[in-house]
């Protein structure tokens, strides 16, 4: 079972096409390769790779409907004022944020660069 099969089995049907999933998988793959200073991705982290891709997909789905995932920017008690806002992040920022969530698992596969 490869990363594409894992991601496809966990994503709801008709959410993304095969090419869109492959693009997300490659985007995360590039982030892993860059972080680990490698030209390949070891088979031992295929589930980490799949989970990172699923996290990226979930973040992007949340950004499509920001009103569903609004957060309170500020809360004022006197005369009650609540300011609602959404987080606006780019795809690259989301990928880097996801990468930091998995650094402990990726550090084992990192190579030193001289």
PDB file of N, CA and C in Angstrom:
ATOM      1  N   UNK A   1       0.849  -1.178   0.000  1.00  0.00           N
ATOM      2  CA  UNK A   1       0.000   0.000   0.000  1.00  0.00           C
ATOM      3  C   UNK A   1       0.891   1.237   0.000  1.00  0.00           C
ATOM      4  N   UNK A   2       0.638   2.148  -0.933  1.00  0.00           N
ATOM      5  CA  UNK A   2       1.447   3.360  -1.002  1.00  0.00           C
ATOM      6  C   UNK A   2       0.686   4.544  -0.391  1.00  0.00           C
ATOM      7  N   UNK A   3       1.322   5.699  -0.376  1.00  0.00           N
ATOM      8  CA  UNK A   3       0.756   6.883   0.267  1.00  0.00           C
ATOM      9  C   UNK A   3      -0.553   7.297  -0.408  1.00  0.00           C
ATOM     10  N   UNK A   4      -0.604   7.228  -1.725  1.00  0.00           N
ATOM     11  CA  UNK A   4      -1.819   7.599  -2.447  1.00  0.00           C
ATOM     12  C   UNK A   4      -2.999   6.737  -2.014  1.00  0.00           C
ATOM     13  N   UNK A   5      -2.789   5.427  -1.898  1.00  0.00           N
ATOM     14  CA  UNK A   5      -3.868   4.524  -1.482  1.00  0.00           C
ATOM     15  C   UNK A   5      -4.339   4.827  -0.059  1.00  0.00           C
ATOM     16  N   UNK A   6      -3.400   5.127   0.823  1.00  0.00           N
ATOM     17  CA  UNK A   6      -3.750   5.445   2.212  1.00  0.00           C
ATOM     18  C   UNK A   6      -4.587   6.715   2.267  1.00  0.00           C
ATOM     19  N   UNK A   7      -4.123   7.753   1.568  1.00  0.00           N
ATOM     20  CA  UNK A   7      -4.844   9.030   1.571  1.00  0.00           C
ATOM     21  C   UNK A   7      -6.219   8.869   0.928  1.00  0.00           C
ATOM     22  N   UNK A   8      -6.262   8.172  -0.190  1.00  0.00           N
ATOM     23  CA  UNK A   8      -7.534   7.991  -0.905  1.00  0.00           C
ATOM     24  C   UNK A   8      -8.551   7.234  -0.053  1.00  0.00           C
ATOM     25  N   UNK A   9      -8.077   6.277   0.740  1.00  0.00           N
ATOM     26  CA  UNK A   9      -9.005   5.508   1.572  1.00  0.00           C
ATOM     27  C   UNK A   9      -9.541   6.317   2.750  1.00  0.00           C
ATOM     28  N   UNK A  10      -8.811   7.370   3.163  1.00  0.00           N
ATOM     29  CA  UNK A  10      -9.236   8.162   4.317  1.00  0.00           C
ATOM     30  C   UNK A  10      -9.985   9.436   3.941  1.00  0.00           C
ATOM     31  N   UNK A  11      -9.926   9.842   2.674  1.00  0.00           N
ATOM     32  CA  UNK A  11     -10.616  11.043   2.225  1.00  0.00           C
ATOM     33  C   UNK A  11     -12.012  10.648   1.750  1.00  0.00           C
ATOM     34  N   UNK A  12     -12.969  11.511   2.019  1.00  0.00           N
ATOM     35  CA  UNK A  12     -14.327  11.236   1.579  1.00  0.00           C
ATOM     36  C   UNK A  12     -14.378  11.182   0.053  1.00  0.00           C
ATOM     37  N   UNK A  13     -15.148  10.243  -0.488  1.00  0.00           N
ATOM     38  CA  UNK A  13     -15.231  10.126  -1.951  1.00  0.00           C
ATOM     39  C   UNK A  13     -15.750  11.417  -2.587  1.00  0.00           C
ATOM     40  N   UNK A  14     -15.317  11.679  -3.790  1.00  0.00           N
ATOM     41  CA  UNK A  14     -15.738  12.838  -4.585  1.00  0.00           C
ATOM     42  C   UNK A  14     -15.334  14.175  -3.984  1.00  0.00           C
ATOM     43  N   UNK A  15     -14.411  14.169  -3.022  1.00  0.00           N
ATOM     44  CA  UNK A  15     -13.923  15.425  -2.463  1.00  0.00           C
ATOM     45  C   UNK A  15     -12.829  16.001  -3.357  1.00  0.00           C
ATOM     46  N   UNK A  16     -11.891  15.158  -3.749  1.00  0.00           N
ATOM     47  CA  UNK A  16     -10.778  15.565  -4.606  1.00  0.00           C
ATOM     48  C   UNK A  16     -10.608  14.544  -5.720  1.00  0.00           C
ATOM     49  N   UNK A  17     -10.111  15.001  -6.851  1.00  0.00           N
ATOM     50  CA  UNK A  17      -9.783  14.077  -7.934  1.00  0.00           C
ATOM     51  C   UNK A  17      -8.433  13.430  -7.639  1.00  0.00           C
ATOM     52  N   UNK A  18      -8.114  12.410  -8.393  1.00  0.00           N
ATOM     53  CA  UNK A  18      -6.836  11.731  -8.205  1.00  0.00           C
ATOM     54  C   UNK A  18      -5.649  12.655  -8.416  1.00  0.00           C
ATOM     55  N   UNK A  19      -5.743  13.539  -9.416  1.00  0.00           N
ATOM     56  CA  UNK A  19      -4.643  14.467  -9.687  1.00  0.00           C
ATOM     57  C   UNK A  19      -4.470  15.478  -8.560  1.00  0.00           C
ATOM     58  N   UNK A  20      -5.582  15.932  -7.982  1.00  0.00           N
ATOM     59  CA  UNK A  20      -5.494  16.865  -6.862  1.00  0.00           C
ATOM     60  C   UNK A  20      -4.855  16.199  -5.648  1.00  0.00           C
ATOM     61  N   UNK A  21      -5.211  14.952  -5.399  1.00  0.00           N
ATOM     62  CA  UNK A  21      -4.590  14.216  -4.287  1.00  0.00           C
ATOM     63  C   UNK A  21      -3.099  14.029  -4.530  1.00  0.00           C
ATOM     64  N   UNK A  22      -2.742  13.683  -5.760  1.00  0.00           N
ATOM     65  CA  UNK A  22      -1.318  13.517  -6.080  1.00  0.00           C
ATOM     66  C   UNK A  22      -0.544  14.811  -5.887  1.00  0.00           C
ATOM     67  N   UNK A  23      -1.165  15.925  -6.227  1.00  0.00           N
ATOM     68  CA  UNK A  23      -0.517  17.223  -6.037  1.00  0.00           C
ATOM     69  C   UNK A  23      -0.270  17.503  -4.560  1.00  0.00           C
ATOM     70  N   UNK A  24      -1.257  17.222  -3.719  1.00  0.00           N
ATOM     71  CA  UNK A  24      -1.106  17.411  -2.267  1.00  0.00           C
ATOM     72  C   UNK A  24      -0.022  16.487  -1.718  1.00  0.00           C
ATOM     73  N   UNK A  25      -0.012  15.240  -2.183  1.00  0.00           N
ATOM     74  CA  UNK A  25       0.991  14.271  -1.733  1.00  0.00           C
ATOM     75  C   UNK A  25       2.386  14.737  -2.126  1.00  0.00           C
ATOM     76  N   UNK A  26       2.537  15.239  -3.341  1.00  0.00           N
ATOM     77  CA  UNK A  26       3.847  15.725  -3.791  1.00  0.00           C
ATOM     78  C   UNK A  26       4.278  16.978  -3.037  1.00  0.00           C
ATOM     79  N   UNK A  27       3.329  17.840  -2.698  1.00  0.00           N
ATOM     80  CA  UNK A  27       3.643  19.048  -1.931  1.00  0.00           C
ATOM     81  C   UNK A  27       4.208  18.682  -0.561  1.00  0.00           C
ATOM     82  N   UNK A  28       3.579  17.721   0.096  1.00  0.00           N
ATOM     83  CA  UNK A  28       4.053  17.274   1.405  1.00  0.00           C
ATOM     84  C   UNK A  28       5.373  16.515   1.245  1.00  0.00           C
ATOM     85  N   UNK A  29       5.491  15.732   0.176  1.00  0.00           N
ATOM     86  CA  UNK A  29       6.733  14.986  -0.071  1.00  0.00           C
ATOM     87  C   UNK A  29       7.916  15.936  -0.206  1.00  0.00           C
ATOM     88  N   UNK A  30       7.707  17.046  -0.919  1.00  0.00           N
ATOM     89  CA  UNK A  30       8.786  18.013  -1.078  1.00  0.00           C
ATOM     90  C   UNK A  30       9.170  18.636   0.254  1.00  0.00           C
ATOM     91  N   UNK A  31       8.191  18.911   1.091  1.00  0.00           N
ATOM     92  CA  UNK A  31       8.478  19.479   2.421  1.00  0.00           C
ATOM     93  C   UNK A  31       9.265  18.481   3.265  1.00  0.00           C
ATOM     94  N   UNK A  32       8.913  17.204   3.185  1.00  0.00           N
ATOM     95  CA  UNK A  32       9.637  16.165   3.937  1.00  0.00           C
ATOM     96  C   UNK A  32      11.064  16.055   3.432  1.00  0.00           C
ATOM     97  N   UNK A  33      11.242  16.029   2.116  1.00  0.00           N
ATOM     98  CA  UNK A  33      12.588  15.918   1.539  1.00  0.00           C
ATOM     99  C   UNK A  33      13.451  17.108   1.931  1.00  0.00           C
ATOM    100  N   UNK A  34      12.876  18.279   1.900  1.00  0.00           N
ATOM    101  CA  UNK A  34      13.630  19.487   2.261  1.00  0.00           C
ATOM    102  C   UNK A  34      14.008  19.462   3.735  1.00  0.00           C
ATOM    103  N   UNK A  35      13.069  19.109   4.587  1.00  0.00           N
ATOM    104  CA  UNK A  35      13.340  19.077   6.027  1.00  0.00           C
ATOM    105  C   UNK A  35      14.374  18.018   6.380  1.00  0.00           C
ATOM    106  N   UNK A  36      14.263  16.858   5.761  1.00  0.00           N
ATOM    107  CA  UNK A  36      15.159  15.741   6.100  1.00  0.00           C
ATOM    108  C   UNK A  36      16.459  15.755   5.304  1.00  0.00           C
ATOM    109  N   UNK A  37      16.632  16.727   4.398  1.00  0.00           N
ATOM    110  CA  UNK A  37      17.843  16.814   3.562  1.00  0.00           C
ATOM    111  C   UNK A  37      18.071  15.519   2.783  1.00  0.00           C
ATOM    112  N   UNK A  38      17.026  15.019   2.159  1.00  0.00           N
ATOM    113  CA  UNK A  38      17.078  13.761   1.419  1.00  0.00           C
ATOM    114  C   UNK A  38      16.519  13.967   0.025  1.00  0.00           C
ATOM    115  N   UNK A  39      16.880  13.056  -0.872  1.00  0.00           N
ATOM    116  CA  UNK A  39      16.294  13.068  -2.211  1.00  0.00           C
ATOM    117  C   UNK A  39      15.210  12.001  -2.342  1.00  0.00           C
ATOM    118  N   UNK A  40      15.018  11.224  -1.280  1.00  0.00           N
ATOM    119  CA  UNK A  40      14.005  10.176  -1.281  1.00  0.00           C
ATOM    120  C   UNK A  40      13.220  10.239   0.019  1.00  0.00           C
ATOM    121  N   UNK A  41      12.122   9.488   0.061  1.00  0.00           N
ATOM    122  CA  UNK A  41      11.345   9.376   1.292  1.00  0.00           C
ATOM    123  C   UNK A  41      11.347   7.905   1.686  1.00  0.00           C
ATOM    124  N   UNK A  42      11.888   7.567   2.855  1.00  0.00           N
ATOM    125  CA  UNK A  42      11.948   6.169   3.274  1.00  0.00           C
ATOM    126  C   UNK A  42      10.552   5.555   3.427  1.00  0.00           C
ATOM    127  N   UNK A  43      10.451   4.268   3.164  1.00  0.00           N
ATOM    128  CA  UNK A  43       9.179   3.561   3.299  1.00  0.00           C
ATOM    129  C   UNK A  43       8.678   3.565   4.737  1.00  0.00           C
ATOM    130  N   UNK A  44       9.577   3.700   5.691  1.00  0.00           N
ATOM    131  CA  UNK A  44       9.189   3.662   7.103  1.00  0.00           C
ATOM    132  C   UNK A  44       8.317   4.839   7.525  1.00  0.00           C
ATOM    133  N   UNK A  45       8.301   5.904   6.754  1.00  0.00           N
ATOM    134  CA  UNK A  45       7.488   7.057   7.143  1.00  0.00           C
ATOM    135  C   UNK A  45       6.322   7.285   6.185  1.00  0.00           C
ATOM    136  N   UNK A  46       5.875   6.249   5.502  1.00  0.00           N
ATOM    137  CA  UNK A  46       4.765   6.438   4.564  1.00  0.00           C
ATOM    138  C   UNK A  46       3.469   6.823   5.288  1.00  0.00           C
ATOM    139  N   UNK A  47       3.266   6.325   6.508  1.00  0.00           N
ATOM    140  CA  UNK A  47       2.059   6.704   7.245  1.00  0.00           C
ATOM    141  C   UNK A  47       2.166   8.127   7.781  1.00  0.00           C
ATOM    142  N   UNK A  48       3.355   8.552   8.143  1.00  0.00           N
ATOM    143  CA  UNK A  48       3.572   9.945   8.544  1.00  0.00           C
ATOM    144  C   UNK A  48       3.291  10.856   7.350  1.00  0.00           C
ATOM    145  N   UNK A  49       3.795  10.461   6.184  1.00  0.00           N
ATOM    146  CA  UNK A  49       3.580  11.211   4.944  1.00  0.00           C
ATOM    147  C   UNK A  49       2.079  11.303   4.634  1.00  0.00           C
ATOM    148  N   UNK A  50       1.385  10.182   4.763  1.00  0.00           N
ATOM    149  CA  UNK A  50      -0.064  10.159   4.500  1.00  0.00           C
ATOM    150  C   UNK A  50      -0.813  11.035   5.501  1.00  0.00           C
ATOM    151  N   UNK A  51      -0.460  10.964   6.768  1.00  0.00           N
ATOM    152  CA  UNK A  51      -1.140  11.770   7.789  1.00  0.00           C
ATOM    153  C   UNK A  51      -0.877  13.259   7.607  1.00  0.00           C
ATOM    154  N   UNK A  52       0.342  13.604   7.194  1.00  0.00           N
ATOM    155  CA  UNK A  52       0.649  15.006   6.920  1.00  0.00           C
ATOM    156  C   UNK A  52      -0.184  15.510   5.740  1.00  0.00           C
ATOM    157  N   UNK A  53      -0.353  14.672   4.729  1.00  0.00           N
ATOM    158  CA  UNK A  53      -1.162  15.042   3.571  1.00  0.00           C
ATOM    159  C   UNK A  53      -2.616  15.229   3.980  1.00  0.00           C
ATOM    160  N   UNK A  54      -3.116  14.332   4.812  1.00  0.00           N
ATOM    161  CA  UNK A  54      -4.496  14.459   5.294  1.00  0.00           C
ATOM    162  C   UNK A  54      -4.680  15.725   6.127  1.00  0.00           C
ATOM    163  N   UNK A  55      -3.681  16.084   6.929  1.00  0.00           N
ATOM    164  CA  UNK A  55      -3.749  17.330   7.701  1.00  0.00           C
ATOM    165  C   UNK A  55      -3.805  18.544   6.771  1.00  0.00           C
ATOM    166  N   UNK A  56      -2.994  18.512   5.710  1.00  0.00           N
ATOM    167  CA  UNK A  56      -2.998  19.605   4.737  1.00  0.00           C
ATOM    168  C   UNK A  56      -4.365  19.718   4.068  1.00  0.00           C
ATOM    169  N   UNK A  57      -4.943  18.586   3.696  1.00  0.00           N
ATOM    170  CA  UNK A  57      -6.270  18.582   3.075  1.00  0.00           C
ATOM    171  C   UNK A  57      -7.308  19.140   4.045  1.00  0.00           C
ATOM    172  N   UNK A  58      -7.235  18.727   5.312  1.00  0.00           N
ATOM    173  CA  UNK A  58      -8.191  19.224   6.308  1.00  0.00           C
ATOM    174  C   UNK A  58      -8.062  20.729   6.513  1.00  0.00           C
ATOM    175  N   UNK A  59      -6.826  21.236   6.581  1.00  0.00           N
ATOM    176  CA  UNK A  59      -6.618  22.672   6.729  1.00  0.00           C
ATOM    177  C   UNK A  59      -7.185  23.427   5.531  1.00  0.00           C
ATOM    178  N   UNK A  60      -6.977  22.886   4.327  1.00  0.00           N
ATOM    179  CA  UNK A  60      -7.478  23.562   3.135  1.00  0.00           C
ATOM    180  C   UNK A  60      -8.998  23.523   3.069  1.00  0.00           C
ATOM    181  N   UNK A  61      -9.587  22.444   3.521  1.00  0.00           N
ATOM    182  CA  UNK A  61     -11.049  22.371   3.543  1.00  0.00           C
ATOM    183  C   UNK A  61     -11.609  23.371   4.550  1.00  0.00           C
ATOM    184  N   UNK A  62     -10.926  23.549   5.673  1.00  0.00           N
ATOM    185  CA  UNK A  62     -11.359  24.541   6.662  1.00  0.00           C
ATOM    186  C   UNK A  62     -11.250  25.953   6.091  1.00  0.00           C
ATOM    187  N   UNK A  63     -10.217  26.193   5.296  1.00  0.00           N
ATOM    188  CA  UNK A  63     -10.043  27.539   4.740  1.00  0.00           C
ATOM    189  C   UNK A  63     -11.056  27.830   3.635  1.00  0.00           C
ATOM    190  N   UNK A  64     -11.668  26.800   3.053  1.00  0.00           N
ATOM    191  CA  UNK A  64     -12.697  27.023   2.030  1.00  0.00           C
ATOM    192  C   UNK A  64     -13.974  27.581   2.655  1.00  0.00           C
ATOM    193  N   UNK A  65     -14.281  27.172   3.876  1.00  0.00           N
ATOM    194  CA  UNK A  65     -15.454  27.650   4.604  1.00  0.00           C
ATOM    195  C   UNK A  65     -15.011  28.307   5.906  1.00  0.00           C
ATOM    196  N   UNK A  66     -14.425  29.492   5.833  1.00  0.00           N
ATOM    197  CA  UNK A  66     -13.896  30.106   7.053  1.00  0.00           C
ATOM    198  C   UNK A  66     -14.958  30.440   8.083  1.00  0.00           C
ATOM    199  N   UNK A  67     -16.196  30.667   7.648  1.00  0.00           N
ATOM    200  CA  UNK A  67     -17.245  31.009   8.612  1.00  0.00           C
ATOM    201  C   UNK A  67     -17.584  29.826   9.522  1.00  0.00           C
ATOM    202  N   UNK A  68     -17.360  28.604   9.023  1.00  0.00           N
ATOM    203  CA  UNK A  68     -17.616  27.426   9.841  1.00  0.00           C
ATOM    204  C   UNK A  68     -16.569  27.257  10.935  1.00  0.00           C
ATOM    205  N   UNK A  69     -15.400  27.854  10.735  1.00  0.00           N
ATOM    206  CA  UNK A  69     -14.299  27.669  11.681  1.00  0.00           C
ATOM    207  C   UNK A  69     -13.790  29.006  12.196  1.00  0.00           C
ATOM    208  N   UNK A  70     -14.695  29.928  12.441  1.00  0.00           N
ATOM    209  CA  UNK A  70     -14.323  31.247  12.932  1.00  0.00           C
ATOM    210  C   UNK A  70     -13.880  31.153  14.385  1.00  0.00           C
ATOM    211  N   UNK A  71     -12.963  32.001  14.737  1.00  0.00           N
ATOM    212  CA  UNK A  71     -12.450  32.047  16.104  1.00  0.00           C
ATOM    213  C   UNK A  71     -12.635  33.460  16.649  1.00  0.00           C
ATOM    214  N   UNK A  72     -12.666  33.572  17.941  1.00  0.00           N
ATOM    215  CA  UNK A  72     -12.803  34.880  18.576  1.00  0.00           C
ATOM    216  C   UNK A  72     -11.452  35.580  18.564  1.00  0.00           C
ATOM    217  N   UNK A  73     -11.400  36.743  17.927  1.00  0.00           N
ATOM    218  CA  UNK A  73     -10.171  37.533  17.899  1.00  0.00           C
ATOM    219  C   UNK A  73      -9.982  38.260  19.214  1.00  0.00           C
ATOM    220  N   UNK A  74     -11.071  38.859  19.696  1.00  0.00           N
ATOM    221  CA  UNK A  74     -10.989  39.562  20.967  1.00  0.00           C
ATOM    222  C   UNK A  74     -12.331  39.481  21.673  1.00  0.00           C
ATOM    223  N   UNK A  75     -12.273  39.490  22.992  1.00  0.00           N
ATOM    224  CA  UNK A  75     -13.470  39.447  23.824  1.00  0.00           C
ATOM    225  C   UNK A  75     -13.356  40.588  24.832  1.00  0.00           C
ATOM    226  N   UNK A  76     -14.399  41.390  24.919  1.00  0.00           N
ATOM    227  CA  UNK A  76     -14.415  42.504  25.864  1.00  0.00           C
ATOM    228  C   UNK A  76     -15.571  42.278  26.815  1.00  0.00           C
ATOM    229  N   UNK A  77     -15.328  42.373  28.104  1.00  0.00           N
ATOM    230  CA  UNK A  77     -16.375  42.059  29.081  1.00  0.00           C
ATOM    231  C   UNK A  77     -17.349  43.194  29.322  1.00  0.00           C
ATOM    232  N   UNK A  78     -16.859  44.375  29.541  1.00  0.00           N
ATOM    233  CA  UNK A  78     -17.751  45.507  29.799  1.00  0.00           C
ATOM    234  C   UNK A  78     -18.560  45.844  28.556  1.00  0.00           C
ATOM    235  N   UNK A  79     -19.866  45.805  28.639  1.00  0.00           N
ATOM    236  CA  UNK A  79     -20.785  45.998  27.521  1.00  0.00           C
ATOM    237  C   UNK A  79     -20.612  44.929  26.441  1.00  0.00           C
ATOM    238  N   UNK A  80     -20.105  43.824  26.776  1.00  0.00           N
ATOM    239  CA  UNK A  80     -19.970  42.604  25.972  1.00  0.00           C
ATOM    240  C   UNK A  80     -19.720  42.865  24.492  1.00  0.00           C
ATOM    241  N   UNK A  81     -18.486  42.699  24.075  1.00  0.00           N
ATOM    242  CA  UNK A  81     -18.119  42.827  22.665  1.00  0.00           C
ATOM    243  C   UNK A  81     -17.240  41.639  22.297  1.00  0.00           C
ATOM    244  N   UNK A  82     -17.642  40.905  21.302  1.00  0.00           N
ATOM    245  CA  UNK A  82     -16.865  39.774  20.811  1.00  0.00           C
ATOM    246  C   UNK A  82     -16.552  40.022  19.346  1.00  0.00           C
ATOM    247  N   UNK A  83     -15.285  39.978  18.995  1.00  0.00           N
ATOM    248  CA  UNK A  83     -14.877  40.176  17.607  1.00  0.00           C
ATOM    249  C   UNK A  83     -14.498  38.822  17.023  1.00  0.00           C
ATOM    250  N   UNK A  84     -15.183  38.449  15.969  1.00  0.00           N
ATOM    251  CA  UNK A  84     -14.952  37.158  15.332  1.00  0.00           C
ATOM    252  C   UNK A  84     -13.997  37.354  14.163  1.00  0.00           C
ATOM    253  N   UNK A  85     -13.068  36.437  14.017  1.00  0.00           N
ATOM    254  CA  UNK A  85     -12.128  36.494  12.913  1.00  0.00           C
ATOM    255  C   UNK A  85     -11.809  35.109  12.403  1.00  0.00           C
ATOM    256  N   UNK A  86     -11.135  35.080  11.301  1.00  0.00           N
ATOM    257  CA  UNK A  86     -10.704  33.810  10.732  1.00  0.00           C
ATOM    258  C   UNK A  86      -9.204  33.872  10.521  1.00  0.00           C
ATOM    259  N   UNK A  87      -8.606  32.713  10.447  1.00  0.00           N
ATOM    260  CA  UNK A  87      -7.172  32.677  10.195  1.00  0.00           C
ATOM    261  C   UNK A  87      -6.949  32.551   8.696  1.00  0.00           C
ATOM    262  N   UNK A  88      -6.104  33.412   8.154  1.00  0.00           N
ATOM    263  CA  UNK A  88      -5.800  33.342   6.726  1.00  0.00           C
ATOM    264  C   UNK A  88      -4.330  32.987   6.578  1.00  0.00           C
ATOM    265  N   UNK A  89      -4.088  31.769   6.123  1.00  0.00           N
ATOM    266  CA  UNK A  89      -2.723  31.322   5.928  1.00  0.00           C
ATOM    267  C   UNK A  89      -2.565  30.807   4.513  1.00  0.00           C
ATOM    268  N   UNK A  90      -1.376  30.956   3.975  1.00  0.00           N
ATOM    269  CA  UNK A  90      -1.108  30.458   2.639  1.00  0.00           C
ATOM    270  C   UNK A  90      -0.823  28.969   2.695  1.00  0.00           C
ATOM    271  N   UNK A  91      -0.797  28.354   1.546  1.00  0.00           N
ATOM    272  CA  UNK A  91      -0.545  26.918   1.474  1.00  0.00           C
ATOM    273  C   UNK A  91       0.838  26.576   2.016  1.00  0.00           C
ATOM    274  N   UNK A  92       1.815  27.428   1.724  1.00  0.00           N
ATOM    275  CA  UNK A  92       3.174  27.186   2.215  1.00  0.00           C
ATOM    276  C   UNK A  92       3.233  27.287   3.737  1.00  0.00           C
ATOM    277  N   UNK A  93       2.524  28.254   4.300  1.00  0.00           N
ATOM    278  CA  UNK A  93       2.489  28.390   5.754  1.00  0.00           C
ATOM    279  C   UNK A  93       1.804  27.194   6.397  1.00  0.00           C
ATOM    280  N   UNK A  94       0.737  26.705   5.754  1.00  0.00           N
ATOM    281  CA  UNK A  94       0.050  25.531   6.285  1.00  0.00           C
ATOM    282  C   UNK A  94       0.965  24.316   6.257  1.00  0.00           C
ATOM    283  N   UNK A  95       1.707  24.158   5.161  1.00  0.00           N
ATOM    284  CA  UNK A  95       2.618  23.029   5.043  1.00  0.00           C
ATOM    285  C   UNK A  95       3.692  23.087   6.113  1.00  0.00           C
ATOM    286  N   UNK A  96       4.237  24.278   6.366  1.00  0.00           N
ATOM    287  CA  UNK A  96       5.267  24.423   7.392  1.00  0.00           C
ATOM    288  C   UNK A  96       4.691  24.193   8.785  1.00  0.00           C
ATOM    289  N   UNK A  97       3.459  24.619   8.996  1.00  0.00           N
ATOM    290  CA  UNK A  97       2.807  24.394  10.293  1.00  0.00           C
ATOM    291  C   UNK A  97       2.588  22.900  10.516  1.00  0.00           C
ATOM    292  N   UNK A  98       2.174  22.203   9.489  1.00  0.00           N
ATOM    293  CA  UNK A  98       1.976  20.754   9.578  1.00  0.00           C
ATOM    294  C   UNK A  98       3.312  20.065   9.823  1.00  0.00           C
ATOM    295  N   UNK A  99       4.357  20.543   9.135  1.00  0.00           N
ATOM    296  CA  UNK A  99       5.688  19.956   9.282  1.00  0.00           C
ATOM    297  C   UNK A  99       6.172  20.041  10.725  1.00  0.00           C
ATOM    298  N   UNK A 100       5.909  21.147  11.395  1.00  0.00           N
ATOM    299  CA  UNK A 100       6.351  21.285  12.782  1.00  0.00           C
ATOM    300  C   UNK A 100       5.619  20.313  13.701  1.00  0.00           C
ATOM    301  N   UNK A 101       4.405  19.901  13.326  1.00  0.00           N
ATOM    302  CA  UNK A 101       3.674  18.926  14.131  1.00  0.00           C
ATOM    303  C   UNK A 101       4.289  17.532  14.048  1.00  0.00           C
ATOM    304  N   UNK A 102       5.062  17.269  13.006  1.00  0.00           N
ATOM    305  CA  UNK A 102       5.615  15.931  12.788  1.00  0.00           C
ATOM    306  C   UNK A 102       7.146  15.887  12.887  1.00  0.00           C
ATOM    307  N   UNK A 103       7.772  16.946  13.373  1.00  0.00           N
ATOM    308  CA  UNK A 103       9.235  16.973  13.403  1.00  0.00           C
ATOM    309  C   UNK A 103       9.831  15.876  14.280  1.00  0.00           C
ATOM    310  N   UNK A 104       9.180  15.533  15.369  1.00  0.00           N
ATOM    311  CA  UNK A 104       9.733  14.485  16.238  1.00  0.00           C
ATOM    312  C   UNK A 104       9.796  13.140  15.511  1.00  0.00           C
ATOM    313  N   UNK A 105       8.848  12.885  14.630  1.00  0.00           N
ATOM    314  CA  UNK A 105       8.863  11.633  13.873  1.00  0.00           C
ATOM    315  C   UNK A 105       9.815  11.709  12.684  1.00  0.00           C
ATOM    316  N   UNK A 106      10.000  12.901  12.120  1.00  0.00           N
ATOM    317  CA  UNK A 106      10.866  13.054  10.954  1.00  0.00           C
ATOM    318  C   UNK A 106      12.343  13.176  11.328  1.00  0.00           C
ATOM    319  N   UNK A 107      12.634  13.627  12.553  1.00  0.00           N
ATOM    320  CA  UNK A 107      14.024  13.826  12.959  1.00  0.00           C
ATOM    321  C   UNK A 107      14.849  12.555  12.862  1.00  0.00           C
ATOM    322  N   UNK A 108      14.235  11.435  13.062  1.00  0.00           N
ATOM    323  CA  UNK A 108      14.937  10.145  12.993  1.00  0.00           C
ATOM    324  C   UNK A 108      15.502   9.878  11.583  1.00  0.00           C
ATOM    325  N   UNK A 109      14.897  10.473  10.564  1.00  0.00           N
ATOM    326  CA  UNK A 109      15.288  10.224   9.185  1.00  0.00           C
ATOM    327  C   UNK A 109      16.058  11.375   8.559  1.00  0.00           C
ATOM    328  N   UNK A 110      16.399  12.350   9.374  1.00  0.00           N
ATOM    329  CA  UNK A 110      17.128  13.513   8.873  1.00  0.00           C
ATOM    330  C   UNK A 110      18.581  13.171   8.586  1.00  0.00           C
ATOM    331  N   UNK A 111      19.116  13.761   7.539  1.00  0.00           N
ATOM    332  CA  UNK A 111      20.533  13.607   7.204  1.00  0.00           C
ATOM    333  C   UNK A 111      21.234  14.940   7.425  1.00  0.00           C
ATOM    334  N   UNK A 112      22.479  14.853   7.839  1.00  0.00           N
ATOM    335  CA  UNK A 112      23.264  16.083   8.020  1.00  0.00           C
ATOM    336  C   UNK A 112      23.728  16.603   6.680  1.00  0.00           C
ATOM    337  N   UNK A 113      23.807  17.909   6.574  1.00  0.00           N
ATOM    338  CA  UNK A 113      24.294  18.530   5.348  1.00  0.00           C
ATOM    339  C   UNK A 113      25.549  19.309   5.699  1.00  0.00           C
ATOM    340  N   UNK A 114      26.591  19.111   4.909  1.00  0.00           N
ATOM    341  CA  UNK A 114      27.858  19.811   5.166  1.00  0.00           C
ATOM    342  C   UNK A 114      28.010  20.971   4.249  1.00  0.00           C
TER     343      UNK A 114
END
